[in-house]
Amino acid sequence: MQPLGRFFQVTETLDVKKYFLDIDKIERYPISFVIKSEASIADLKAQLKRGAEKQYGVKAVVDKYMACIEEVINIEVLQERFRKAVKDGHLKGIIAEIVLQSKVEFNYEDEE
């Protein structure tokens, strides 16, 4: 069964075990990682691959996990996308979505 949308995982770490555990949880469906880092996308992917090679040592296993990483998004990419969204007039909608998702995360309901 294939999900209807994309999977995202937000993290501050480059711990390969955590990344691959997330991939395993969703049965190796492609996942995008948002990494709180100013390192380049190429550097982040290279660090992940080196960590995977160190962890697993089997090229086929490493390749299979790396193929599940749909996209790596760093701080620079987030800032670019946010500026474009604001320029395109989506700021109100973005803020409303952040508020909604925060309420869901913290199980908060308005008492209106």
N, C-alpha and C. Protein backbone atom coordinates (compact mmCIF):
# COMPACT_ATOMS: atom_id res chain seq x y z
N MET A 1 0.85 -1.17 0.00
CA MET A 1 0.00 0.00 0.00
C MET A 1 0.90 1.24 0.00
N GLN A 2 0.59 2.21 -0.85
CA GLN A 2 1.40 3.40 -0.98
C GLN A 2 0.70 4.59 -0.35
N PRO A 3 1.41 5.39 0.46
CA PRO A 3 0.81 6.58 1.08
C PRO A 3 0.36 7.60 0.02
N LEU A 4 -0.56 8.45 0.40
CA LEU A 4 -1.09 9.45 -0.53
C LEU A 4 -0.18 10.68 -0.66
N GLY A 5 0.64 10.93 0.33
CA GLY A 5 1.51 12.11 0.31
C GLY A 5 2.95 11.74 0.55
N ARG A 6 3.71 12.73 0.99
CA ARG A 6 5.12 12.52 1.27
C ARG A 6 5.34 12.38 2.77
N PHE A 7 6.38 11.67 3.13
CA PHE A 7 6.81 11.57 4.52
C PHE A 7 7.97 12.52 4.74
N PHE A 8 7.91 13.24 5.87
CA PHE A 8 9.00 14.12 6.27
C PHE A 8 9.41 13.77 7.69
N GLN A 9 10.69 13.84 7.96
CA GLN A 9 11.20 13.70 9.31
C GLN A 9 12.14 14.87 9.55
N VAL A 10 11.92 15.56 10.66
CA VAL A 10 12.73 16.71 11.00
C VAL A 10 13.70 16.29 12.09
N THR A 11 14.97 16.64 11.91
CA THR A 11 15.99 16.20 12.85
C THR A 11 17.14 17.19 12.93
N GLU A 12 17.89 17.09 14.01
CA GLU A 12 19.10 17.91 14.19
C GLU A 12 20.35 17.05 14.13
N THR A 13 20.19 15.76 13.95
CA THR A 13 21.30 14.83 14.03
C THR A 13 21.58 14.16 12.69
N LEU A 14 22.76 13.61 12.58
CA LEU A 14 23.11 12.80 11.40
C LEU A 14 23.35 11.36 11.82
N ASP A 15 22.67 10.94 12.88
CA ASP A 15 22.78 9.56 13.38
C ASP A 15 22.08 8.62 12.41
N VAL A 16 22.87 7.85 11.69
CA VAL A 16 22.36 6.96 10.65
C VAL A 16 21.33 5.98 11.20
N LYS A 17 21.54 5.48 12.41
CA LYS A 17 20.60 4.53 13.01
C LYS A 17 19.20 5.14 13.07
N LYS A 18 19.12 6.41 13.46
CA LYS A 18 17.82 7.07 13.57
C LYS A 18 17.17 7.20 12.19
N TYR A 19 17.94 7.60 11.20
CA TYR A 19 17.40 7.77 9.85
C TYR A 19 16.85 6.44 9.32
N PHE A 20 17.65 5.40 9.47
CA PHE A 20 17.25 4.12 8.89
C PHE A 20 16.14 3.46 9.70
N LEU A 21 16.05 3.76 10.98
CA LEU A 21 14.91 3.29 11.77
C LEU A 21 13.63 3.94 11.25
N ASP A 22 13.71 5.25 10.94
CA ASP A 22 12.54 5.94 10.38
C ASP A 22 12.16 5.34 9.03
N ILE A 23 13.15 5.01 8.22
CA ILE A 23 12.88 4.39 6.92
C ILE A 23 12.23 3.03 7.11
N ASP A 24 12.73 2.25 8.05
CA ASP A 24 12.14 0.93 8.33
C ASP A 24 10.70 1.05 8.82
N LYS A 25 10.42 2.06 9.64
CA LYS A 25 9.07 2.25 10.20
C LYS A 25 8.03 2.44 9.10
N ILE A 26 8.43 3.07 8.02
CA ILE A 26 7.47 3.31 6.94
C ILE A 26 7.70 2.34 5.78
N GLU A 27 8.30 1.21 6.11
CA GLU A 27 8.50 0.11 5.17
C GLU A 27 9.23 0.53 3.91
N ARG A 28 10.22 1.33 4.08
CA ARG A 28 11.13 1.77 3.03
C ARG A 28 10.47 2.58 1.91
N TYR A 29 9.35 3.21 2.25
CA TYR A 29 8.77 4.18 1.32
C TYR A 29 9.66 5.43 1.36
N PRO A 30 9.84 6.12 0.25
CA PRO A 30 10.72 7.30 0.25
C PRO A 30 10.33 8.33 1.31
N ILE A 31 11.34 8.89 1.94
CA ILE A 31 11.15 9.85 3.01
C ILE A 31 12.10 11.03 2.79
N SER A 32 11.63 12.22 3.14
CA SER A 32 12.46 13.41 3.05
C SER A 32 12.89 13.80 4.45
N PHE A 33 14.16 14.14 4.61
CA PHE A 33 14.68 14.55 5.90
C PHE A 33 14.96 16.04 5.89
N VAL A 34 14.39 16.73 6.87
CA VAL A 34 14.66 18.15 7.08
C VAL A 34 15.69 18.19 8.20
N ILE A 35 16.89 18.64 7.87
CA ILE A 35 18.00 18.60 8.82
C ILE A 35 18.37 20.01 9.23
N LYS A 36 18.35 20.24 10.53
CA LYS A 36 18.71 21.56 11.07
C LYS A 36 20.22 21.71 10.95
N SER A 37 20.66 22.12 9.77
CA SER A 37 22.08 22.26 9.50
C SER A 37 22.29 23.28 8.39
N GLU A 38 23.40 23.97 8.47
CA GLU A 38 23.76 24.90 7.40
C GLU A 38 24.73 24.26 6.41
N ALA A 39 25.09 23.00 6.64
CA ALA A 39 25.94 22.28 5.69
C ALA A 39 25.18 22.11 4.37
N SER A 40 25.91 21.96 3.29
CA SER A 40 25.27 21.80 1.98
C SER A 40 24.55 20.46 1.91
N ILE A 41 23.59 20.37 1.00
CA ILE A 41 22.85 19.12 0.78
C ILE A 41 23.83 18.00 0.41
N ALA A 42 24.76 18.30 -0.48
CA ALA A 42 25.74 17.29 -0.91
C ALA A 42 26.56 16.79 0.27
N ASP A 43 26.99 17.70 1.15
CA ASP A 43 27.77 17.30 2.33
C ASP A 43 26.93 16.45 3.28
N LEU A 44 25.67 16.82 3.48
CA LEU A 44 24.80 16.06 4.37
C LEU A 44 24.57 14.65 3.85
N LYS A 45 24.31 14.54 2.54
CA LYS A 45 24.12 13.21 1.94
C LYS A 45 25.39 12.37 2.04
N ALA A 46 26.54 13.01 1.81
CA ALA A 46 27.81 12.29 1.89
C ALA A 46 28.06 11.80 3.32
N GLN A 47 27.74 12.63 4.32
CA GLN A 47 27.91 12.23 5.71
C GLN A 47 26.99 11.05 6.05
N LEU A 48 25.76 11.11 5.55
CA LEU A 48 24.83 10.00 5.78
C LEU A 48 25.35 8.71 5.15
N LYS A 49 25.84 8.83 3.94
CA LYS A 49 26.34 7.63 3.24
C LYS A 49 27.55 7.05 3.96
N ARG A 50 28.47 7.91 4.39
CA ARG A 50 29.65 7.42 5.14
C ARG A 50 29.22 6.73 6.42
N GLY A 51 28.25 7.32 7.12
CA GLY A 51 27.74 6.70 8.34
C GLY A 51 27.09 5.36 8.06
N ALA A 52 26.36 5.27 6.95
CA ALA A 52 25.70 4.02 6.57
C ALA A 52 26.74 2.95 6.23
N GLU A 53 27.77 3.35 5.51
CA GLU A 53 28.82 2.40 5.14
C GLU A 53 29.54 1.88 6.38
N LYS A 54 29.75 2.77 7.33
CA LYS A 54 30.40 2.37 8.58
C LYS A 54 29.49 1.44 9.39
N GLN A 55 28.20 1.75 9.41
CA GLN A 55 27.23 0.98 10.19
C GLN A 55 26.97 -0.41 9.59
N TYR A 56 26.79 -0.45 8.28
CA TYR A 56 26.34 -1.69 7.64
C TYR A 56 27.42 -2.42 6.87
N GLY A 57 28.31 -1.71 6.20
CA GLY A 57 29.41 -2.34 5.49
C GLY A 57 29.06 -3.10 4.22
N VAL A 58 27.78 -3.39 3.99
CA VAL A 58 27.36 -4.12 2.80
C VAL A 58 26.78 -3.10 1.81
N LYS A 59 27.43 -2.98 0.66
CA LYS A 59 27.05 -1.96 -0.33
C LYS A 59 25.57 -2.05 -0.71
N ALA A 60 25.06 -3.24 -0.92
CA ALA A 60 23.66 -3.41 -1.33
C ALA A 60 22.70 -2.88 -0.27
N VAL A 61 23.02 -3.09 1.00
CA VAL A 61 22.18 -2.60 2.09
C VAL A 61 22.24 -1.07 2.15
N VAL A 62 23.45 -0.55 2.07
CA VAL A 62 23.65 0.91 2.08
C VAL A 62 22.89 1.54 0.92
N ASP A 63 23.04 1.00 -0.26
CA ASP A 63 22.37 1.55 -1.45
C ASP A 63 20.85 1.51 -1.31
N LYS A 64 20.33 0.43 -0.73
CA LYS A 64 18.89 0.30 -0.56
C LYS A 64 18.35 1.37 0.39
N TYR A 65 19.04 1.59 1.50
CA TYR A 65 18.61 2.62 2.44
C TYR A 65 18.77 4.02 1.83
N MET A 66 19.89 4.28 1.19
CA MET A 66 20.12 5.60 0.60
C MET A 66 19.09 5.91 -0.47
N ALA A 67 18.65 4.91 -1.20
CA ALA A 67 17.64 5.11 -2.24
C ALA A 67 16.30 5.52 -1.65
N CYS A 68 16.09 5.23 -0.38
CA CYS A 68 14.82 5.60 0.27
C CYS A 68 14.78 7.07 0.69
N ILE A 69 15.92 7.75 0.63
CA ILE A 69 15.96 9.16 1.00
C ILE A 69 15.54 9.97 -0.23
N GLU A 70 14.30 10.43 -0.19
CA GLU A 70 13.74 11.16 -1.33
C GLU A 70 14.39 12.52 -1.50
N GLU A 71 14.58 13.21 -0.38
CA GLU A 71 15.13 14.56 -0.43
C GLU A 71 15.74 14.89 0.92
N VAL A 72 16.82 15.67 0.88
CA VAL A 72 17.41 16.22 2.09
C VAL A 72 17.22 17.72 2.00
N ILE A 73 16.65 18.29 3.04
CA ILE A 73 16.35 19.72 3.08
C ILE A 73 17.13 20.32 4.24
N ASN A 74 17.91 21.35 3.96
CA ASN A 74 18.68 22.01 5.01
C ASN A 74 18.07 23.38 5.32
N ILE A 75 18.70 24.13 6.21
CA ILE A 75 18.18 25.45 6.61
C ILE A 75 18.09 26.39 5.41
N GLU A 76 19.10 26.37 4.56
CA GLU A 76 19.10 27.25 3.39
C GLU A 76 17.88 27.00 2.49
N VAL A 77 17.58 25.75 2.24
CA VAL A 77 16.43 25.39 1.40
C VAL A 77 15.13 25.83 2.08
N LEU A 78 15.02 25.61 3.38
CA LEU A 78 13.82 26.05 4.11
C LEU A 78 13.62 27.56 3.99
N GLN A 79 14.71 28.30 4.15
CA GLN A 79 14.62 29.76 4.05
C GLN A 79 14.20 30.20 2.65
N GLU A 80 14.77 29.57 1.63
CA GLU A 80 14.40 29.89 0.24
C GLU A 80 12.91 29.65 0.01
N ARG A 81 12.45 28.48 0.44
CA ARG A 81 11.04 28.13 0.23
C ARG A 81 10.11 29.04 1.01
N PHE A 82 10.52 29.42 2.21
CA PHE A 82 9.69 30.32 3.01
C PHE A 82 9.60 31.69 2.35
N ARG A 83 10.74 32.22 1.90
CA ARG A 83 10.72 33.53 1.23
C ARG A 83 9.83 33.50 -0.01
N LYS A 84 9.91 32.43 -0.78
CA LYS A 84 9.08 32.32 -1.98
C LYS A 84 7.60 32.24 -1.60
N ALA A 85 7.28 31.47 -0.58
CA ALA A 85 5.88 31.35 -0.14
C ALA A 85 5.34 32.69 0.33
N VAL A 86 6.14 33.45 1.05
CA VAL A 86 5.72 34.78 1.51
C VAL A 86 5.51 35.69 0.30
N LYS A 87 6.46 35.66 -0.62
CA LYS A 87 6.36 36.47 -1.85
C LYS A 87 5.09 36.13 -2.64
N ASP A 88 4.73 34.84 -2.63
CA ASP A 88 3.54 34.38 -3.35
C ASP A 88 2.24 34.60 -2.58
N GLY A 89 2.33 35.24 -1.40
CA GLY A 89 1.13 35.59 -0.64
C GLY A 89 0.58 34.49 0.27
N HIS A 90 1.41 33.56 0.69
CA HIS A 90 0.94 32.43 1.50
C HIS A 90 1.23 32.55 2.99
N LEU A 91 1.73 33.70 3.45
CA LEU A 91 2.13 33.82 4.85
C LEU A 91 0.98 33.54 5.82
N LYS A 92 -0.20 34.09 5.55
CA LYS A 92 -1.34 33.86 6.45
C LYS A 92 -1.68 32.38 6.56
N GLY A 93 -1.68 31.69 5.45
CA GLY A 93 -1.98 30.26 5.44
C GLY A 93 -0.91 29.45 6.16
N ILE A 94 0.34 29.86 6.01
CA ILE A 94 1.44 29.16 6.68
C ILE A 94 1.30 29.31 8.19
N ILE A 95 1.03 30.52 8.64
CA ILE A 95 0.88 30.75 10.08
C ILE A 95 -0.32 29.99 10.62
N ALA A 96 -1.41 29.98 9.89
CA ALA A 96 -2.60 29.23 10.32
C ALA A 96 -2.29 27.74 10.43
N GLU A 97 -1.54 27.21 9.50
CA GLU A 97 -1.17 25.79 9.53
C GLU A 97 -0.24 25.48 10.70
N ILE A 98 0.70 26.37 10.98
CA ILE A 98 1.60 26.19 12.13
C ILE A 98 0.80 26.17 13.43
N VAL A 99 -0.14 27.09 13.56
CA VAL A 99 -0.98 27.13 14.76
C VAL A 99 -1.79 25.85 14.87
N LEU A 100 -2.41 25.42 13.79
CA LEU A 100 -3.22 24.20 13.79
C LEU A 100 -2.38 22.98 14.18
N GLN A 101 -1.23 22.81 13.55
CA GLN A 101 -0.38 21.66 13.84
C GLN A 101 0.16 21.70 15.27
N SER A 102 0.42 22.89 15.79
CA SER A 102 0.87 23.02 17.18
C SER A 102 -0.23 22.60 18.13
N LYS A 103 -1.46 22.97 17.83
CA LYS A 103 -2.59 22.57 18.67
C LYS A 103 -2.76 21.06 18.66
N VAL A 104 -2.59 20.45 17.50
CA VAL A 104 -2.71 18.99 17.40
C VAL A 104 -1.58 18.33 18.21
N GLU A 105 -0.37 18.84 18.03
CA GLU A 105 0.78 18.24 18.71
C GLU A 105 0.65 18.31 20.23
N PHE A 106 0.10 19.43 20.72
CA PHE A 106 0.00 19.61 22.17
C PHE A 106 -1.40 19.30 22.71
N ASN A 107 -2.24 18.70 21.85
CA ASN A 107 -3.59 18.30 22.26
C ASN A 107 -4.35 19.47 22.89
N TYR A 108 -4.32 20.60 22.20
CA TYR A 108 -4.95 21.83 22.69
C TYR A 108 -6.24 22.07 21.93
N GLU A 109 -7.31 22.38 22.66
CA GLU A 109 -8.57 22.74 22.02
C GLU A 109 -9.02 24.09 22.52
N ASP A 110 -9.49 24.92 21.57
CA ASP A 110 -10.03 26.23 21.96
C ASP A 110 -11.28 26.01 22.79
N GLU A 111 -11.50 26.89 23.74
CA GLU A 111 -12.69 26.77 24.59
C GLU A 111 -13.80 27.69 24.11
N GLU A 112 -13.87 27.92 22.81
CA GLU A 112 -14.90 28.80 22.24
C GLU A 112 -16.21 28.09 22.10
